[in-house]
Amino acid sequence: MQVDRVRFAEIMRLFEELPGGPRACILAPFLGMLEFQLGHLQAAKATANAKAIREAAHAIKGGCWDLGFQALGQYSEHLEQLARAAQLPTEADWSDFFAEVAWVRVYVETWPDVG
């Protein structure tokens, strides 16, 4: 449960003046992308598809690091590296990953609206 709060606040300030502020301009799209990629990741997990795990984890990683969600980015990178090595994540890997996803959701959903 690690976020680069300075990076996150920087990004939020960039969108303060736009219609809808950070929530409409960056947070809602981020959560939408996250949910979309999580759907792909869960389907890949269910079918043990390492290539699809790698691709979805890679996409999640980028969005997380852009916003400063370091821990979820690191967990995503770990899943990506395992899949790249043709290894499937363990249940512990999945548990850690999904726990961090839950934390990021709460963090984003409770971020105060600006303006």
C-alpha atoms as a PDB file:
ATOM      1  CA  MET A   1       0.000   0.000   0.000  1.00  0.00           C
ATOM      2  CA  GLN A   2       2.325   2.583  -1.289  1.00  0.00           C
ATOM      3  CA  VAL A   3       1.557   5.681  -3.256  1.00  0.00           C
ATOM      4  CA  ASP A   4       3.950   8.410  -4.233  1.00  0.00           C
ATOM      5  CA  ARG A   5       1.783  11.121  -2.674  1.00  0.00           C
ATOM      6  CA  VAL A   6       3.870  13.917  -4.171  1.00  0.00           C
ATOM      7  CA  ARG A   7       3.494  12.485  -7.687  1.00  0.00           C
ATOM      8  CA  PHE A   8      -0.215  11.833  -7.181  1.00  0.00           C
ATOM      9  CA  ALA A   9      -0.860  15.358  -5.870  1.00  0.00           C
ATOM     10  CA  GLU A  10       1.154  16.813  -8.765  1.00  0.00           C
ATOM     11  CA  ILE A  11      -1.001  14.997 -11.289  1.00  0.00           C
ATOM     12  CA  MET A  12      -4.188  16.048  -9.497  1.00  0.00           C
ATOM     13  CA  ARG A  13      -3.095  19.720  -9.540  1.00  0.00           C
ATOM     14  CA  LEU A  14      -2.564  19.545 -13.301  1.00  0.00           C
ATOM     15  CA  PHE A  15      -6.252  18.789 -13.773  1.00  0.00           C
ATOM     16  CA  GLU A  16      -7.775  21.114 -11.147  1.00  0.00           C
ATOM     17  CA  GLU A  17      -8.820  23.794 -13.597  1.00  0.00           C
ATOM     18  CA  LEU A  18     -10.350  21.536 -16.219  1.00  0.00           C
ATOM     19  CA  PRO A  19     -14.107  20.870 -16.307  1.00  0.00           C
ATOM     20  CA  GLY A  20     -14.839  18.095 -13.848  1.00  0.00           C
ATOM     21  CA  GLY A  21     -11.421  18.459 -12.264  1.00  0.00           C
ATOM     22  CA  PRO A  22      -9.133  15.523 -11.550  1.00  0.00           C
ATOM     23  CA  ARG A  23     -11.966  13.092 -10.856  1.00  0.00           C
ATOM     24  CA  ALA A  24     -13.481  13.429 -14.329  1.00  0.00           C
ATOM     25  CA  CYS A  25     -10.225  13.989 -16.208  1.00  0.00           C
ATOM     26  CA  ILE A  26      -7.926  11.381 -14.691  1.00  0.00           C
ATOM     27  CA  LEU A  27      -9.363   9.352 -11.794  1.00  0.00           C
ATOM     28  CA  ALA A  28     -12.520   8.043 -13.465  1.00  0.00           C
ATOM     29  CA  PRO A  29     -10.655   7.134 -16.671  1.00  0.00           C
ATOM     30  CA  PHE A  30      -7.932   5.439 -14.624  1.00  0.00           C
ATOM     31  CA  LEU A  31     -10.466   3.334 -12.721  1.00  0.00           C
ATOM     32  CA  GLY A  32     -12.218   2.480 -15.985  1.00  0.00           C
ATOM     33  CA  MET A  33      -8.930   1.335 -17.529  1.00  0.00           C
ATOM     34  CA  LEU A  34      -8.071  -0.591 -14.376  1.00  0.00           C
ATOM     35  CA  GLU A  35     -11.417  -2.418 -14.363  1.00  0.00           C
ATOM     36  CA  PHE A  36     -11.098  -3.195 -18.071  1.00  0.00           C
ATOM     37  CA  GLN A  37      -7.595  -4.623 -17.661  1.00  0.00           C
ATOM     38  CA  LEU A  38      -8.607  -6.509 -14.502  1.00  0.00           C
ATOM     39  CA  GLY A  39     -11.279  -8.257 -16.549  1.00  0.00           C
ATOM     40  CA  HIS A  40      -8.610  -9.365 -19.010  1.00  0.00           C
ATOM     41  CA  LEU A  41      -6.286 -10.365 -16.196  1.00  0.00           C
ATOM     42  CA  GLN A  42      -8.932 -12.438 -14.419  1.00  0.00           C
ATOM     43  CA  ALA A  43      -9.836 -14.210 -17.666  1.00  0.00           C
ATOM     44  CA  ALA A  44      -6.147 -14.887 -18.290  1.00  0.00           C
ATOM     45  CA  LYS A  45      -5.756 -16.216 -14.749  1.00  0.00           C
ATOM     46  CA  ALA A  46      -8.754 -18.516 -15.187  1.00  0.00           C
ATOM     47  CA  THR A  47      -7.291 -19.989 -18.376  1.00  0.00           C
ATOM     48  CA  ALA A  48      -3.633 -19.935 -17.197  1.00  0.00           C
ATOM     49  CA  ASN A  49      -2.744 -17.781 -20.223  1.00  0.00           C
ATOM     50  CA  ALA A  50       0.718 -16.379 -19.437  1.00  0.00           C
ATOM     51  CA  LYS A  51       0.813 -14.152 -22.523  1.00  0.00           C
ATOM     52  CA  ALA A  52      -2.496 -12.497 -21.629  1.00  0.00           C
ATOM     53  CA  ILE A  53      -1.393 -12.119 -17.997  1.00  0.00           C
ATOM     54  CA  ARG A  54       1.780 -10.397 -19.171  1.00  0.00           C
ATOM     55  CA  GLU A  55      -0.097  -8.011 -21.468  1.00  0.00           C
ATOM     56  CA  ALA A  56      -2.751  -7.024 -18.921  1.00  0.00           C
ATOM     57  CA  ALA A  57      -0.229  -6.667 -16.091  1.00  0.00           C
ATOM     58  CA  HIS A  58       1.939  -4.484 -18.321  1.00  0.00           C
ATOM     59  CA  ALA A  59      -0.981  -2.159 -19.097  1.00  0.00           C
ATOM     60  CA  ILE A  60      -1.940  -1.875 -15.431  1.00  0.00           C
ATOM     61  CA  LYS A  61       1.669  -1.209 -14.444  1.00  0.00           C
ATOM     62  CA  GLY A  62       1.976   1.784 -16.751  1.00  0.00           C
ATOM     63  CA  GLY A  63      -1.176   3.498 -15.544  1.00  0.00           C
ATOM     64  CA  CYS A  64      -0.244   2.940 -11.923  1.00  0.00           C
ATOM     65  CA  TRP A  65       3.247   4.332 -12.266  1.00  0.00           C
ATOM     66  CA  ASP A  66       1.940   7.358 -14.185  1.00  0.00           C
ATOM     67  CA  LEU A  67      -0.236   8.296 -11.199  1.00  0.00           C
ATOM     68  CA  GLY A  68       2.219   7.311  -8.481  1.00  0.00           C
ATOM     69  CA  PHE A  69       0.669   4.013  -7.375  1.00  0.00           C
ATOM     70  CA  GLN A  70       4.064   2.462  -6.820  1.00  0.00           C
ATOM     71  CA  ALA A  71       3.049  -0.707  -4.984  1.00  0.00           C
ATOM     72  CA  LEU A  72       0.384  -1.735  -7.509  1.00  0.00           C
ATOM     73  CA  GLY A  73       2.831  -0.929 -10.288  1.00  0.00           C
ATOM     74  CA  GLN A  74       5.405  -3.192  -8.621  1.00  0.00           C
ATOM     75  CA  TYR A  75       2.915  -6.013  -8.121  1.00  0.00           C
ATOM     76  CA  SER A  76       1.889  -5.664 -11.772  1.00  0.00           C
ATOM     77  CA  GLU A  77       5.514  -5.756 -12.853  1.00  0.00           C
ATOM     78  CA  HIS A  78       6.019  -8.920 -10.795  1.00  0.00           C
ATOM     79  CA  LEU A  79       3.069 -10.631 -12.526  1.00  0.00           C
ATOM     80  CA  GLU A  80       4.386  -9.448 -15.885  1.00  0.00           C
ATOM     81  CA  GLN A  81       7.883 -10.803 -15.206  1.00  0.00           C
ATOM     82  CA  LEU A  82       6.563 -14.172 -14.064  1.00  0.00           C
ATOM     83  CA  ALA A  83       4.428 -14.478 -17.168  1.00  0.00           C
ATOM     84  CA  ARG A  84       7.314 -13.377 -19.394  1.00  0.00           C
ATOM     85  CA  ALA A  85       9.322 -16.270 -17.896  1.00  0.00           C
ATOM     86  CA  ALA A  86       6.394 -18.613 -18.681  1.00  0.00           C
ATOM     87  CA  GLN A  87       5.627 -18.981 -14.973  1.00  0.00           C
ATOM     88  CA  LEU A  88       2.157 -18.534 -13.576  1.00  0.00           C
ATOM     89  CA  PRO A  89       1.690 -16.396 -10.471  1.00  0.00           C
ATOM     90  CA  THR A  90       1.053 -18.234  -7.210  1.00  0.00           C
ATOM     91  CA  GLU A  91      -2.091 -17.731  -5.168  1.00  0.00           C
ATOM     92  CA  ALA A  92       0.008 -15.562  -2.825  1.00  0.00           C
ATOM     93  CA  ASP A  93       1.035 -13.397  -5.797  1.00  0.00           C
ATOM     94  CA  TRP A  94      -2.597 -12.989  -6.826  1.00  0.00           C
ATOM     95  CA  SER A  95      -3.679 -12.282  -3.251  1.00  0.00           C
ATOM     96  CA  ASP A  96      -1.082  -9.523  -2.834  1.00  0.00           C
ATOM     97  CA  PHE A  97      -1.967  -8.039  -6.207  1.00  0.00           C
ATOM     98  CA  PHE A  98      -5.733  -7.980  -5.608  1.00  0.00           C
ATOM     99  CA  ALA A  99      -5.298  -6.600  -2.072  1.00  0.00           C
ATOM    100  CA  GLU A 100      -3.368  -3.690  -3.559  1.00  0.00           C
ATOM    101  CA  VAL A 101      -6.021  -3.211  -6.253  1.00  0.00           C
ATOM    102  CA  ALA A 102      -8.628  -2.904  -3.483  1.00  0.00           C
ATOM    103  CA  TRP A 103      -6.495  -0.327  -1.665  1.00  0.00           C
ATOM    104  CA  VAL A 104      -5.997   1.737  -4.841  1.00  0.00           C
ATOM    105  CA  ARG A 105      -9.736   1.687  -5.551  1.00  0.00           C
ATOM    106  CA  VAL A 106     -10.483   3.054  -2.083  1.00  0.00           C
ATOM    107  CA  TYR A 107      -7.727   5.660  -2.361  1.00  0.00           C
ATOM    108  CA  VAL A 108      -9.017   6.893  -5.710  1.00  0.00           C
ATOM    109  CA  GLU A 109     -12.695   6.768  -4.782  1.00  0.00           C
ATOM    110  CA  THR A 110     -12.121   8.759  -1.593  1.00  0.00           C
ATOM    111  CA  TRP A 111      -9.848  11.381  -3.145  1.00  0.00           C
ATOM    112  CA  PRO A 112     -11.575  14.710  -2.461  1.00  0.00           C
ATOM    113  CA  ASP A 113     -13.071  16.603  -5.362  1.00  0.00           C
ATOM    114  CA  VAL A 114     -11.266  19.856  -6.011  1.00  0.00           C
ATOM    115  CA  GLY A 115     -13.017  23.094  -6.732  1.00  0.00           C
END
